[in-house]
Amino acid sequence: MERNKLELGLIKLVIDLYLSDVIKEVEKKKRELRDDNHFGNCSVCGEYDEVLNVNRNHHFVCHKHKKRWNVGSNLFSGWKDETEEIWKKNCKTLEHYEEISGDEWLNNIFSPGIEEGSSLIEI
């Protein structure tokens, strides 16, 4: 009985160490992807279609999935060439889109179902 408990404890330790390494690799890959795509993507498809400006504010959008995320203001100069009429049209479009964080796509790409501190074996 005592030996079985010791073996289970050893197995749990090995699995926990493995899961820890997996989680670290996933987080590392997320950081690399985020660095390559600074402004984020759609939480469903991992892409974006265009940037819609409303005055100085920039919103990345995915038209297919009706997602939007604000990436900041006055980052791109294109807004200066747009009219108030364009901004009103963009506003109407954005009203029908769900606001997301822009980083949600990373969680959907990597969803191993494992959270830090979790274990597959309970003793």
PDB file of N, CA and C in Angstrom:
ATOM      1  N   MET A   1       0.830  -1.200   0.000  1.00  0.00           N
ATOM      2  CA  MET A   1       0.000   0.000   0.000  1.00  0.00           C
ATOM      3  C   MET A   1       0.867   1.254   0.000  1.00  0.00           C
ATOM      4  N   GLU A   2       1.863   1.272   0.905  1.00  0.00           N
ATOM      5  CA  GLU A   2       2.767   2.424   1.019  1.00  0.00           C
ATOM      6  C   GLU A   2       3.577   2.587  -0.269  1.00  0.00           C
ATOM      7  N   ARG A   3       3.983   1.459  -0.865  1.00  0.00           N
ATOM      8  CA  ARG A   3       4.766   1.497  -2.116  1.00  0.00           C
ATOM      9  C   ARG A   3       3.933   2.079  -3.256  1.00  0.00           C
ATOM     10  N   ASN A   4       2.660   1.674  -3.354  1.00  0.00           N
ATOM     11  CA  ASN A   4       1.776   2.198  -4.404  1.00  0.00           C
ATOM     12  C   ASN A   4       1.609   3.708  -4.273  1.00  0.00           C
ATOM     13  N   LYS A   5       1.464   4.174  -3.042  1.00  0.00           N
ATOM     14  CA  LYS A   5       1.318   5.612  -2.812  1.00  0.00           C
ATOM     15  C   LYS A   5       2.585   6.353  -3.219  1.00  0.00           C
ATOM     16  N   LEU A   6       3.747   5.769  -2.925  1.00  0.00           N
ATOM     17  CA  LEU A   6       5.024   6.359  -3.314  1.00  0.00           C
ATOM     18  C   LEU A   6       5.164   6.394  -4.837  1.00  0.00           C
ATOM     19  N   GLU A   7       4.769   5.293  -5.508  1.00  0.00           N
ATOM     20  CA  GLU A   7       4.828   5.238  -6.976  1.00  0.00           C
ATOM     21  C   GLU A   7       3.900   6.274  -7.592  1.00  0.00           C
ATOM     22  N   LEU A   8       2.699   6.385  -7.042  1.00  0.00           N
ATOM     23  CA  LEU A   8       1.752   7.392  -7.548  1.00  0.00           C
ATOM     24  C   LEU A   8       2.297   8.801  -7.348  1.00  0.00           C
ATOM     25  N   GLY A   9       2.930   9.040  -6.209  1.00  0.00           N
ATOM     26  CA  GLY A   9       3.534  10.345  -5.948  1.00  0.00           C
ATOM     27  C   GLY A   9       4.627  10.660  -6.952  1.00  0.00           C
ATOM     28  N   LEU A  10       5.432   9.648  -7.302  1.00  0.00           N
ATOM     29  CA  LEU A  10       6.504   9.828  -8.280  1.00  0.00           C
ATOM     30  C   LEU A  10       5.924  10.094  -9.668  1.00  0.00           C
ATOM     31  N   ILE A  11       4.886   9.341 -10.022  1.00  0.00           N
ATOM     32  CA  ILE A  11       4.227   9.558 -11.324  1.00  0.00           C
ATOM     33  C   ILE A  11       3.649  10.965 -11.383  1.00  0.00           C
ATOM     34  N   LYS A  12       2.996  11.389 -10.323  1.00  0.00           N
ATOM     35  CA  LYS A  12       2.425  12.744 -10.270  1.00  0.00           C
ATOM     36  C   LYS A  12       3.506  13.800 -10.435  1.00  0.00           C
ATOM     37  N   LEU A  13       4.639  13.612  -9.781  1.00  0.00           N
ATOM     38  CA  LEU A  13       5.747  14.555  -9.894  1.00  0.00           C
ATOM     39  C   LEU A  13       6.253  14.645 -11.330  1.00  0.00           C
ATOM     40  N   VAL A  14       6.425  13.501 -11.984  1.00  0.00           N
ATOM     41  CA  VAL A  14       6.897  13.481 -13.382  1.00  0.00           C
ATOM     42  C   VAL A  14       5.901  14.190 -14.289  1.00  0.00           C
ATOM     43  N   ILE A  15       4.616  13.901 -14.112  1.00  0.00           N
ATOM     44  CA  ILE A  15       3.580  14.546 -14.938  1.00  0.00           C
ATOM     45  C   ILE A  15       3.549  16.048 -14.685  1.00  0.00           C
ATOM     46  N   ASP A  16       3.630  16.444 -13.424  1.00  0.00           N
ATOM     47  CA  ASP A  16       3.618  17.874 -13.094  1.00  0.00           C
ATOM     48  C   ASP A  16       4.814  18.598 -13.703  1.00  0.00           C
ATOM     49  N   LEU A  17       5.978  17.968 -13.679  1.00  0.00           N
ATOM     50  CA  LEU A  17       7.168  18.572 -14.303  1.00  0.00           C
ATOM     51  C   LEU A  17       6.981  18.699 -15.809  1.00  0.00           C
ATOM     52  N   TYR A  18       6.419  17.666 -16.415  1.00  0.00           N
ATOM     53  CA  TYR A  18       6.154  17.704 -17.851  1.00  0.00           C
ATOM     54  C   TYR A  18       5.157  18.812 -18.190  1.00  0.00           C
ATOM     55  N   LEU A  19       4.054  18.873 -17.433  1.00  0.00           N
ATOM     56  CA  LEU A  19       3.047  19.913 -17.679  1.00  0.00           C
ATOM     57  C   LEU A  19       3.637  21.300 -17.510  1.00  0.00           C
ATOM     58  N   SER A  20       4.497  21.465 -16.535  1.00  0.00           N
ATOM     59  CA  SER A  20       5.147  22.746 -16.312  1.00  0.00           C
ATOM     60  C   SER A  20       5.954  23.159 -17.538  1.00  0.00           C
ATOM     61  N   ASP A  21       6.689  22.209 -18.126  1.00  0.00           N
ATOM     62  CA  ASP A  21       7.465  22.497 -19.339  1.00  0.00           C
ATOM     63  C   ASP A  21       6.556  22.822 -20.515  1.00  0.00           C
ATOM     64  N   VAL A  22       5.451  22.095 -20.644  1.00  0.00           N
ATOM     65  CA  VAL A  22       4.496  22.349 -21.731  1.00  0.00           C
ATOM     66  C   VAL A  22       3.922  23.749 -21.606  1.00  0.00           C
ATOM     67  N   ILE A  23       3.509  24.113 -20.399  1.00  0.00           N
ATOM     68  CA  ILE A  23       2.934  25.439 -20.170  1.00  0.00           C
ATOM     69  C   ILE A  23       3.954  26.524 -20.494  1.00  0.00           C
ATOM     70  N   LYS A  24       5.198  26.324 -20.094  1.00  0.00           N
ATOM     71  CA  LYS A  24       6.245  27.306 -20.395  1.00  0.00           C
ATOM     72  C   LYS A  24       6.433  27.458 -21.901  1.00  0.00           C
ATOM     73  N   GLU A  25       6.420  26.350 -22.640  1.00  0.00           N
ATOM     74  CA  GLU A  25       6.579  26.402 -24.100  1.00  0.00           C
ATOM     75  C   GLU A  25       5.401  27.119 -24.758  1.00  0.00           C
ATOM     76  N   VAL A  26       4.195  26.847 -24.282  1.00  0.00           N
ATOM     77  CA  VAL A  26       3.001  27.505 -24.825  1.00  0.00           C
ATOM     78  C   VAL A  26       3.090  29.008 -24.591  1.00  0.00           C
ATOM     79  N   GLU A  27       3.452  29.416 -23.394  1.00  0.00           N
ATOM     80  CA  GLU A  27       3.575  30.843 -23.080  1.00  0.00           C
ATOM     81  C   GLU A  27       4.670  31.498 -23.927  1.00  0.00           C
ATOM     82  N   LYS A  28       5.765  30.789 -24.146  1.00  0.00           N
ATOM     83  CA  LYS A  28       6.851  31.313 -24.983  1.00  0.00           C
ATOM     84  C   LYS A  28       6.359  31.520 -26.415  1.00  0.00           C
ATOM     85  N   LYS A  29       5.620  30.540 -26.953  1.00  0.00           N
ATOM     86  CA  LYS A  29       5.100  30.649 -28.320  1.00  0.00           C
ATOM     87  C   LYS A  29       4.081  31.783 -28.416  1.00  0.00           C
ATOM     88  N   LYS A  30       3.258  31.957 -27.379  1.00  0.00           N
ATOM     89  CA  LYS A  30       2.303  33.070 -27.364  1.00  0.00           C
ATOM     90  C   LYS A  30       3.030  34.409 -27.439  1.00  0.00           C
ATOM     91  N   ARG A  31       4.106  34.535 -26.658  1.00  0.00           N
ATOM     92  CA  ARG A  31       4.877  35.789 -26.683  1.00  0.00           C
ATOM     93  C   ARG A  31       5.460  36.040 -28.067  1.00  0.00           C
ATOM     94  N   GLU A  32       5.983  34.986 -28.711  1.00  0.00           N
ATOM     95  CA  GLU A  32       6.548  35.134 -30.054  1.00  0.00           C
ATOM     96  C   GLU A  32       5.483  35.566 -31.053  1.00  0.00           C
ATOM     97  N   LEU A  33       4.312  34.934 -30.980  1.00  0.00           N
ATOM     98  CA  LEU A  33       3.225  35.303 -31.890  1.00  0.00           C
ATOM     99  C   LEU A  33       2.748  36.721 -31.630  1.00  0.00           C
ATOM    100  N   ARG A  34       2.658  37.102 -30.368  1.00  0.00           N
ATOM    101  CA  ARG A  34       2.233  38.462 -30.016  1.00  0.00           C
ATOM    102  C   ARG A  34       3.246  39.481 -30.528  1.00  0.00           C
ATOM    103  N   ASP A  35       4.547  39.148 -30.429  1.00  0.00           N
ATOM    104  CA  ASP A  35       5.585  40.050 -30.936  1.00  0.00           C
ATOM    105  C   ASP A  35       5.486  40.207 -32.438  1.00  0.00           C
ATOM    106  N   ASP A  36       5.136  39.122 -33.141  1.00  0.00           N
ATOM    107  CA  ASP A  36       4.989  39.178 -34.596  1.00  0.00           C
ATOM    108  C   ASP A  36       3.722  39.907 -35.014  1.00  0.00           C
ATOM    109  N   ASN A  37       2.720  39.912 -34.151  1.00  0.00           N
ATOM    110  CA  ASN A  37       1.450  40.546 -34.472  1.00  0.00           C
ATOM    111  C   ASN A  37       1.045  41.429 -33.306  1.00  0.00           C
ATOM    112  N   HIS A  38       1.649  42.572 -33.253  1.00  0.00           N
ATOM    113  CA  HIS A  38       1.531  43.483 -32.109  1.00  0.00           C
ATOM    114  C   HIS A  38       0.099  43.924 -31.806  1.00  0.00           C
ATOM    115  N   PHE A  39      -0.748  44.007 -32.814  1.00  0.00           N
ATOM    116  CA  PHE A  39      -2.070  44.593 -32.621  1.00  0.00           C
ATOM    117  C   PHE A  39      -3.187  43.572 -32.412  1.00  0.00           C
ATOM    118  N   GLY A  40      -2.881  42.291 -32.418  1.00  0.00           N
ATOM    119  CA  GLY A  40      -3.886  41.271 -32.150  1.00  0.00           C
ATOM    120  C   GLY A  40      -4.651  40.827 -33.377  1.00  0.00           C
ATOM    121  N   ASN A  41      -5.551  39.865 -33.160  1.00  0.00           N
ATOM    122  CA  ASN A  41      -6.350  39.283 -34.230  1.00  0.00           C
ATOM    123  C   ASN A  41      -7.704  38.845 -33.714  1.00  0.00           C
ATOM    124  N   CYS A  42      -8.560  38.445 -34.633  1.00  0.00           N
ATOM    125  CA  CYS A  42      -9.893  37.933 -34.322  1.00  0.00           C
ATOM    126  C   CYS A  42      -9.765  36.709 -33.418  1.00  0.00           C
ATOM    127  N   SER A  43     -10.645  36.623 -32.426  1.00  0.00           N
ATOM    128  CA  SER A  43     -10.611  35.499 -31.488  1.00  0.00           C
ATOM    129  C   SER A  43     -11.111  34.205 -32.114  1.00  0.00           C
ATOM    130  N   VAL A  44     -11.746  34.281 -33.283  1.00  0.00           N
ATOM    131  CA  VAL A  44     -12.267  33.080 -33.934  1.00  0.00           C
ATOM    132  C   VAL A  44     -11.300  32.551 -34.982  1.00  0.00           C
ATOM    133  N   CYS A  45     -10.871  33.424 -35.898  1.00  0.00           N
ATOM    134  CA  CYS A  45     -10.055  32.954 -37.027  1.00  0.00           C
ATOM    135  C   CYS A  45      -8.581  33.331 -36.933  1.00  0.00           C
ATOM    136  N   GLY A  46      -8.229  34.217 -36.004  1.00  0.00           N
ATOM    137  CA  GLY A  46      -6.830  34.600 -35.860  1.00  0.00           C
ATOM    138  C   GLY A  46      -6.345  35.566 -36.928  1.00  0.00           C
ATOM    139  N   GLU A  47      -7.255  36.246 -37.595  1.00  0.00           N
ATOM    140  CA  GLU A  47      -6.906  37.211 -38.643  1.00  0.00           C
ATOM    141  C   GLU A  47      -7.605  38.541 -38.380  1.00  0.00           C
ATOM    142  N   TYR A  48      -7.358  39.504 -39.255  1.00  0.00           N
ATOM    143  CA  TYR A  48      -8.135  40.753 -39.248  1.00  0.00           C
ATOM    144  C   TYR A  48      -8.287  41.214 -40.684  1.00  0.00           C
ATOM    145  N   ASP A  49      -9.343  41.990 -40.942  1.00  0.00           N
ATOM    146  CA  ASP A  49      -9.621  42.436 -42.305  1.00  0.00           C
ATOM    147  C   ASP A  49      -9.094  43.836 -42.593  1.00  0.00           C
ATOM    148  N   GLU A  50      -9.331  44.741 -41.659  1.00  0.00           N
ATOM    149  CA  GLU A  50      -8.910  46.122 -41.890  1.00  0.00           C
ATOM    150  C   GLU A  50      -8.930  46.906 -40.590  1.00  0.00           C
ATOM    151  N   VAL A  51      -8.469  48.134 -40.683  1.00  0.00           N
ATOM    152  CA  VAL A  51      -8.504  49.049 -39.549  1.00  0.00           C
ATOM    153  C   VAL A  51      -9.523  50.128 -39.867  1.00  0.00           C
ATOM    154  N   LEU A  52     -10.481  50.308 -38.965  1.00  0.00           N
ATOM    155  CA  LEU A  52     -11.461  51.378 -39.119  1.00  0.00           C
ATOM    156  C   LEU A  52     -11.124  52.460 -38.104  1.00  0.00           C
ATOM    157  N   ASN A  53     -11.009  53.661 -38.587  1.00  0.00           N
ATOM    158  CA  ASN A  53     -10.721  54.793 -37.707  1.00  0.00           C
ATOM    159  C   ASN A  53     -12.006  55.524 -37.355  1.00  0.00           C
ATOM    160  N   VAL A  54     -12.062  55.982 -36.131  1.00  0.00           N
ATOM    161  CA  VAL A  54     -13.096  56.917 -35.698  1.00  0.00           C
ATOM    162  C   VAL A  54     -12.327  58.048 -35.041  1.00  0.00           C
ATOM    163  N   ASN A  55     -12.203  59.136 -35.803  1.00  0.00           N
ATOM    164  CA  ASN A  55     -11.325  60.220 -35.409  1.00  0.00           C
ATOM    165  C   ASN A  55      -9.915  59.640 -35.275  1.00  0.00           C
ATOM    166  N   ARG A  56      -9.247  59.850 -34.170  1.00  0.00           N
ATOM    167  CA  ARG A  56      -7.876  59.348 -33.974  1.00  0.00           C
ATOM    168  C   ARG A  56      -7.818  57.880 -33.527  1.00  0.00           C
ATOM    169  N   ASN A  57      -8.964  57.302 -33.165  1.00  0.00           N
ATOM    170  CA  ASN A  57      -9.003  55.944 -32.601  1.00  0.00           C
ATOM    171  C   ASN A  57      -9.009  54.886 -33.697  1.00  0.00           C
ATOM    172  N   HIS A  58      -8.195  53.858 -33.502  1.00  0.00           N
ATOM    173  CA  HIS A  58      -8.034  52.803 -34.491  1.00  0.00           C
ATOM    174  C   HIS A  58      -8.638  51.500 -33.969  1.00  0.00           C
ATOM    175  N   HIS A  59      -9.503  50.899 -34.786  1.00  0.00           N
ATOM    176  CA  HIS A  59     -10.159  49.639 -34.441  1.00  0.00           C
ATOM    177  C   HIS A  59      -9.831  48.610 -35.515  1.00  0.00           C
ATOM    178  N   PHE A  60      -9.195  47.514 -35.119  1.00  0.00           N
ATOM    179  CA  PHE A  60      -9.010  46.405 -36.040  1.00  0.00           C
ATOM    180  C   PHE A  60     -10.309  45.617 -36.047  1.00  0.00           C
ATOM    181  N   VAL A  61     -10.690  45.069 -37.221  1.00  0.00           N
ATOM    182  CA  VAL A  61     -11.957  44.353 -37.328  1.00  0.00           C
ATOM    183  C   VAL A  61     -11.810  43.068 -38.129  1.00  0.00           C
ATOM    184  N   CYS A  62     -12.679  42.123 -37.801  1.00  0.00           N
ATOM    185  CA  CYS A  62     -12.889  40.928 -38.607  1.00  0.00           C
ATOM    186  C   CYS A  62     -14.346  40.966 -39.019  1.00  0.00           C
ATOM    187  N   HIS A  63     -14.590  41.207 -40.304  1.00  0.00           N
ATOM    188  CA  HIS A  63     -15.967  41.345 -40.779  1.00  0.00           C
ATOM    189  C   HIS A  63     -16.716  40.017 -40.736  1.00  0.00           C
ATOM    190  N   LYS A  64     -16.023  38.933 -41.035  1.00  0.00           N
ATOM    191  CA  LYS A  64     -16.675  37.620 -41.080  1.00  0.00           C
ATOM    192  C   LYS A  64     -17.268  37.252 -39.722  1.00  0.00           C
ATOM    193  N   HIS A  65     -16.523  37.515 -38.645  1.00  0.00           N
ATOM    194  CA  HIS A  65     -16.971  37.116 -37.316  1.00  0.00           C
ATOM    195  C   HIS A  65     -17.505  38.284 -36.478  1.00  0.00           C
ATOM    196  N   LYS A  66     -17.544  39.460 -37.107  1.00  0.00           N
ATOM    197  CA  LYS A  66     -18.069  40.671 -36.459  1.00  0.00           C
ATOM    198  C   LYS A  66     -17.408  40.932 -35.109  1.00  0.00           C
ATOM    199  N   LYS A  67     -16.069  40.934 -35.138  1.00  0.00           N
ATOM    200  CA  LYS A  67     -15.264  41.222 -33.945  1.00  0.00           C
ATOM    201  C   LYS A  67     -14.500  42.519 -34.179  1.00  0.00           C
ATOM    202  N   ARG A  68     -14.265  43.255 -33.087  1.00  0.00           N
ATOM    203  CA  ARG A  68     -13.481  44.490 -33.173  1.00  0.00           C
ATOM    204  C   ARG A  68     -12.648  44.646 -31.915  1.00  0.00           C
ATOM    205  N   TRP A  69     -11.510  45.313 -32.061  1.00  0.00           N
ATOM    206  CA  TRP A  69     -10.691  45.615 -30.894  1.00  0.00           C
ATOM    207  C   TRP A  69      -9.940  46.902 -31.146  1.00  0.00           C
ATOM    208  N   ASN A  70      -9.969  47.755 -30.144  1.00  0.00           N
ATOM    209  CA  ASN A  70      -9.317  49.055 -30.211  1.00  0.00           C
ATOM    210  C   ASN A  70      -7.834  48.872 -29.915  1.00  0.00           C
ATOM    211  N   VAL A  71      -6.988  49.436 -30.786  1.00  0.00           N
ATOM    212  CA  VAL A  71      -5.543  49.275 -30.593  1.00  0.00           C
ATOM    213  C   VAL A  71      -4.864  50.558 -30.145  1.00  0.00           C
ATOM    214  N   GLY A  72      -5.633  51.624 -30.017  1.00  0.00           N
ATOM    215  CA  GLY A  72      -5.054  52.882 -29.560  1.00  0.00           C
ATOM    216  C   GLY A  72      -5.482  54.048 -30.421  1.00  0.00           C
ATOM    217  N   SER A  73      -4.846  55.174 -30.217  1.00  0.00           N
ATOM    218  CA  SER A  73      -5.198  56.355 -30.999  1.00  0.00           C
ATOM    219  C   SER A  73      -3.934  57.065 -31.481  1.00  0.00           C
ATOM    220  N   ASN A  74      -4.082  57.662 -32.634  1.00  0.00           N
ATOM    221  CA  ASN A  74      -3.018  58.437 -33.265  1.00  0.00           C
ATOM    222  C   ASN A  74      -1.741  57.612 -33.507  1.00  0.00           C
ATOM    223  N   LEU A  75      -1.926  56.306 -33.740  1.00  0.00           N
ATOM    224  CA  LEU A  75      -0.793  55.438 -34.043  1.00  0.00           C
ATOM    225  C   LEU A  75      -0.477  55.439 -35.539  1.00  0.00           C
ATOM    226  N   PHE A  76      -1.528  55.547 -36.339  1.00  0.00           N
ATOM    227  CA  PHE A  76      -1.397  55.556 -37.790  1.00  0.00           C
ATOM    228  C   PHE A  76      -1.903  56.898 -38.310  1.00  0.00           C
ATOM    229  N   SER A  77      -1.232  57.437 -39.295  1.00  0.00           N
ATOM    230  CA  SER A  77      -1.573  58.788 -39.765  1.00  0.00           C
ATOM    231  C   SER A  77      -2.768  58.829 -40.715  1.00  0.00           C
ATOM    232  N   GLY A  78      -3.255  57.685 -41.177  1.00  0.00           N
ATOM    233  CA  GLY A  78      -4.345  57.647 -42.150  1.00  0.00           C
ATOM    234  C   GLY A  78      -5.611  58.341 -41.703  1.00  0.00           C
ATOM    235  N   TRP A  79      -5.851  58.396 -40.410  1.00  0.00           N
ATOM    236  CA  TRP A  79      -7.068  59.035 -39.904  1.00  0.00           C
ATOM    237  C   TRP A  79      -7.131  60.506 -40.291  1.00  0.00           C
ATOM    238  N   LYS A  80      -5.963  61.121 -40.494  1.00  0.00           N
ATOM    239  CA  LYS A  80      -5.923  62.552 -40.814  1.00  0.00           C
ATOM    240  C   LYS A  80      -6.497  62.842 -42.195  1.00  0.00           C
ATOM    241  N   ASP A  81      -6.485  61.825 -43.061  1.00  0.00           N
ATOM    242  CA  ASP A  81      -6.986  61.995 -44.425  1.00  0.00           C
ATOM    243  C   ASP A  81      -8.456  61.632 -44.552  1.00  0.00           C
ATOM    244  N   GLU A  82      -9.076  61.206 -43.448  1.00  0.00           N
ATOM    245  CA  GLU A  82     -10.468  60.800 -43.499  1.00  0.00           C
ATOM    246  C   GLU A  82     -11.390  61.940 -43.062  1.00  0.00           C
ATOM    247  N   THR A  83     -12.629  61.822 -43.506  1.00  0.00           N
ATOM    248  CA  THR A  83     -13.623  62.848 -43.179  1.00  0.00           C
ATOM    249  C   THR A  83     -14.505  62.385 -42.019  1.00  0.00           C
ATOM    250  N   GLU A  84     -15.257  63.319 -41.486  1.00  0.00           N
ATOM    251  CA  GLU A  84     -16.196  62.990 -40.421  1.00  0.00           C
ATOM    252  C   GLU A  84     -17.264  62.025 -40.929  1.00  0.00           C
ATOM    253  N   GLU A  85     -17.583  62.124 -42.203  1.00  0.00           N
ATOM    254  CA  GLU A  85     -18.558  61.213 -42.811  1.00  0.00           C
ATOM    255  C   GLU A  85     -18.042  59.761 -42.762  1.00  0.00           C
ATOM    256  N   ILE A  86     -16.784  59.567 -43.052  1.00  0.00           N
ATOM    257  CA  ILE A  86     -16.174  58.233 -42.977  1.00  0.00           C
ATOM    258  C   ILE A  86     -16.214  57.722 -41.539  1.00  0.00           C
ATOM    259  N   TRP A  87     -15.914  58.599 -40.588  1.00  0.00           N
ATOM    260  CA  TRP A  87     -15.907  58.182 -39.183  1.00  0.00           C
ATOM    261  C   TRP A  87     -17.301  57.776 -38.718  1.00  0.00           C
ATOM    262  N   LYS A  88     -18.318  58.498 -39.182  1.00  0.00           N
ATOM    263  CA  LYS A  88     -19.700  58.148 -38.820  1.00  0.00           C
ATOM    264  C   LYS A  88     -20.058  56.778 -39.388  1.00  0.00           C
ATOM    265  N   LYS A  89     -19.656  56.520 -40.628  1.00  0.00           N
ATOM    266  CA  LYS A  89     -19.903  55.220 -41.258  1.00  0.00           C
ATOM    267  C   LYS A  89     -19.174  54.115 -40.483  1.00  0.00           C
ATOM    268  N   ASN A  90     -17.929  54.364 -40.118  1.00  0.00           N
ATOM    269  CA  ASN A  90     -17.160  53.379 -39.352  1.00  0.00           C
ATOM    270  C   ASN A  90     -17.805  53.116 -37.998  1.00  0.00           C
ATOM    271  N   CYS A  91     -18.309  54.175 -37.374  1.00  0.00           N
ATOM    272  CA  CYS A  91     -18.985  54.055 -36.077  1.00  0.00           C
ATOM    273  C   CYS A  91     -20.200  53.144 -36.193  1.00  0.00           C
ATOM    274  N   LYS A  92     -20.976  53.330 -37.236  1.00  0.00           N
ATOM    275  CA  LYS A  92     -22.169  52.502 -37.442  1.00  0.00           C
ATOM    276  C   LYS A  92     -21.790  51.042 -37.636  1.00  0.00           C
ATOM    277  N   THR A  93     -20.717  50.795 -38.361  1.00  0.00           N
ATOM    278  CA  THR A  93     -20.233  49.428 -38.555  1.00  0.00           C
ATOM    279  C   THR A  93     -19.804  48.819 -37.223  1.00  0.00           C
ATOM    280  N   LEU A  94     -19.013  49.569 -36.467  1.00  0.00           N
ATOM    281  CA  LEU A  94     -18.473  49.064 -35.206  1.00  0.00           C
ATOM    282  C   LEU A  94     -19.553  48.774 -34.168  1.00  0.00           C
ATOM    283  N   GLU A  95     -20.677  49.474 -34.237  1.00  0.00           N
ATOM    284  CA  GLU A  95     -21.776  49.262 -33.292  1.00  0.00           C
ATOM    285  C   GLU A  95     -22.286  47.825 -33.330  1.00  0.00           C
ATOM    286  N   HIS A  96     -22.171  47.173 -34.474  1.00  0.00           N
ATOM    287  CA  HIS A  96     -22.709  45.829 -34.667  1.00  0.00           C
ATOM    288  C   HIS A  96     -21.665  44.736 -34.426  1.00  0.00           C
ATOM    289  N   TYR A  97     -20.472  45.135 -33.999  1.00  0.00           N
ATOM    290  CA  TYR A  97     -19.392  44.179 -33.799  1.00  0.00           C
ATOM    291  C   TYR A  97     -19.126  43.986 -32.307  1.00  0.00           C
ATOM    292  N   GLU A  98     -18.755  42.775 -31.944  1.00  0.00           N
ATOM    293  CA  GLU A  98     -18.429  42.473 -30.554  1.00  0.00           C
ATOM    294  C   GLU A  98     -17.015  42.955 -30.235  1.00  0.00           C
ATOM    295  N   GLU A  99     -16.884  43.661 -29.132  1.00  0.00           N
ATOM    296  CA  GLU A  99     -15.572  44.149 -28.677  1.00  0.00           C
ATOM    297  C   GLU A  99     -14.818  42.997 -28.002  1.00  0.00           C
ATOM    298  N   ILE A 100     -13.590  42.770 -28.448  1.00  0.00           N
ATOM    299  CA  ILE A 100     -12.726  41.759 -27.825  1.00  0.00           C
ATOM    300  C   ILE A 100     -11.405  42.412 -27.460  1.00  0.00           C
ATOM    301  N   SER A 101     -10.533  41.662 -26.809  1.00  0.00           N
ATOM    302  CA  SER A 101      -9.269  42.244 -26.358  1.00  0.00           C
ATOM    303  C   SER A 101      -8.217  42.290 -27.461  1.00  0.00           C
ATOM    304  N   GLY A 102      -8.330  41.428 -28.465  1.00  0.00           N
ATOM    305  CA  GLY A 102      -7.292  41.367 -29.492  1.00  0.00           C
ATOM    306  C   GLY A 102      -6.270  40.289 -29.203  1.00  0.00           C
ATOM    307  N   ASP A 103      -6.146  39.889 -27.939  1.00  0.00           N
ATOM    308  CA  ASP A 103      -5.237  38.801 -27.570  1.00  0.00           C
ATOM    309  C   ASP A 103      -5.974  37.479 -27.390  1.00  0.00           C
ATOM    310  N   GLU A 104      -7.285  37.495 -27.461  1.00  0.00           N
ATOM    311  CA  GLU A 104      -8.067  36.280 -27.243  1.00  0.00           C
ATOM    312  C   GLU A 104      -7.732  35.191 -28.255  1.00  0.00           C
ATOM    313  N   TRP A 105      -7.316  35.583 -29.451  1.00  0.00           N
ATOM    314  CA  TRP A 105      -6.980  34.597 -30.473  1.00  0.00           C
ATOM    315  C   TRP A 105      -5.842  33.701 -30.026  1.00  0.00           C
ATOM    316  N   LEU A 106      -4.916  34.228 -29.221  1.00  0.00           N
ATOM    317  CA  LEU A 106      -3.804  33.413 -28.738  1.00  0.00           C
ATOM    318  C   LEU A 106      -4.303  32.284 -27.847  1.00  0.00           C
ATOM    319  N   ASN A 107      -5.285  32.581 -27.017  1.00  0.00           N
ATOM    320  CA  ASN A 107      -5.826  31.549 -26.135  1.00  0.00           C
ATOM    321  C   ASN A 107      -6.577  30.486 -26.914  1.00  0.00           C
ATOM    322  N   ASN A 108      -7.189  30.853 -28.029  1.00  0.00           N
ATOM    323  CA  ASN A 108      -7.917  29.878 -28.828  1.00  0.00           C
ATOM    324  C   ASN A 108      -6.979  29.001 -29.647  1.00  0.00           C
ATOM    325  N   ILE A 109      -5.826  29.528 -30.013  1.00  0.00           N
ATOM    326  CA  ILE A 109      -4.847  28.724 -30.741  1.00  0.00           C
ATOM    327  C   ILE A 109      -4.224  27.698 -29.805  1.00  0.00           C
ATOM    328  N   PHE A 110      -3.893  28.139 -28.611  1.00  0.00           N
ATOM    329  CA  PHE A 110      -3.263  27.276 -27.615  1.00  0.00           C
ATOM    330  C   PHE A 110      -4.248  27.023 -26.486  1.00  0.00           C
ATOM    331  N   SER A 111      -4.976  25.957 -26.575  1.00  0.00           N
ATOM    332  CA  SER A 111      -5.896  25.636 -25.484  1.00  0.00           C
ATOM    333  C   SER A 111      -5.688  24.190 -25.066  1.00  0.00           C
ATOM    334  N   PRO A 112      -4.554  23.929 -24.418  1.00  0.00           N
ATOM    335  CA  PRO A 112      -4.286  22.553 -24.024  1.00  0.00           C
ATOM    336  C   PRO A 112      -5.169  22.061 -22.894  1.00  0.00           C
ATOM    337  N   GLY A 113      -5.945  22.957 -22.302  1.00  0.00           N
ATOM    338  CA  GLY A 113      -6.795  22.567 -21.199  1.00  0.00           C
ATOM    339  C   GLY A 113      -6.022  22.360 -19.911  1.00  0.00           C
ATOM    340  N   ILE A 114      -4.830  22.883 -19.870  1.00  0.00           N
ATOM    341  CA  ILE A 114      -3.968  22.720 -18.703  1.00  0.00           C
ATOM    342  C   ILE A 114      -3.650  24.094 -18.157  1.00  0.00           C
ATOM    343  N   GLU A 115      -3.899  24.288 -16.899  1.00  0.00           N
ATOM    344  CA  GLU A 115      -3.554  25.544 -16.260  1.00  0.00           C
ATOM    345  C   GLU A 115      -2.410  25.312 -15.298  1.00  0.00           C
ATOM    346  N   GLU A 116      -1.628  26.349 -15.096  1.00  0.00           N
ATOM    347  CA  GLU A 116      -0.503  26.247 -14.184  1.00  0.00           C
ATOM    348  C   GLU A 116      -0.978  25.785 -12.808  1.00  0.00           C
ATOM    349  N   GLY A 117      -0.263  24.828 -12.247  1.00  0.00           N
ATOM    350  CA  GLY A 117      -0.605  24.308 -10.938  1.00  0.00           C
ATOM    351  C   GLY A 117      -1.590  23.141 -11.005  1.00  0.00           C
ATOM    352  N   SER A 118      -2.057  22.811 -12.221  1.00  0.00           N
ATOM    353  CA  SER A 118      -3.001  21.692 -12.318  1.00  0.00           C
ATOM    354  C   SER A 118      -2.243  20.379 -12.405  1.00  0.00           C
ATOM    355  N   SER A 119      -2.928  19.303 -12.128  1.00  0.00           N
ATOM    356  CA  SER A 119      -2.332  17.989 -12.203  1.00  0.00           C
ATOM    357  C   SER A 119      -3.354  17.012 -12.765  1.00  0.00           C
ATOM    358  N   LEU A 120      -2.854  15.993 -13.450  1.00  0.00           N
ATOM    359  CA  LEU A 120      -3.755  14.983 -13.986  1.00  0.00           C
ATOM    360  C   LEU A 120      -4.088  13.910 -12.950  1.00  0.00           C
ATOM    361  N   ILE A 121      -3.252  13.826 -11.931  1.00  0.00           N
ATOM    362  CA  ILE A 121      -3.451  12.788 -10.922  1.00  0.00           C
ATOM    363  C   ILE A 121      -3.665  13.437  -9.562  1.00  0.00           C
ATOM    364  N   GLU A 122      -4.712  13.029  -8.902  1.00  0.00           N
ATOM    365  CA  GLU A 122      -4.963  13.483  -7.540  1.00  0.00           C
ATOM    366  C   GLU A 122      -4.638  12.336  -6.601  1.00  0.00           C
ATOM    367  N   ILE A 123      -3.856  12.632  -5.586  1.00  0.00           N
ATOM    368  CA  ILE A 123      -3.494  11.601  -4.608  1.00  0.00           C
ATOM    369  C   ILE A 123      -4.158  11.913  -3.289  1.00  0.00           C
TER     370      ILE A 123
END
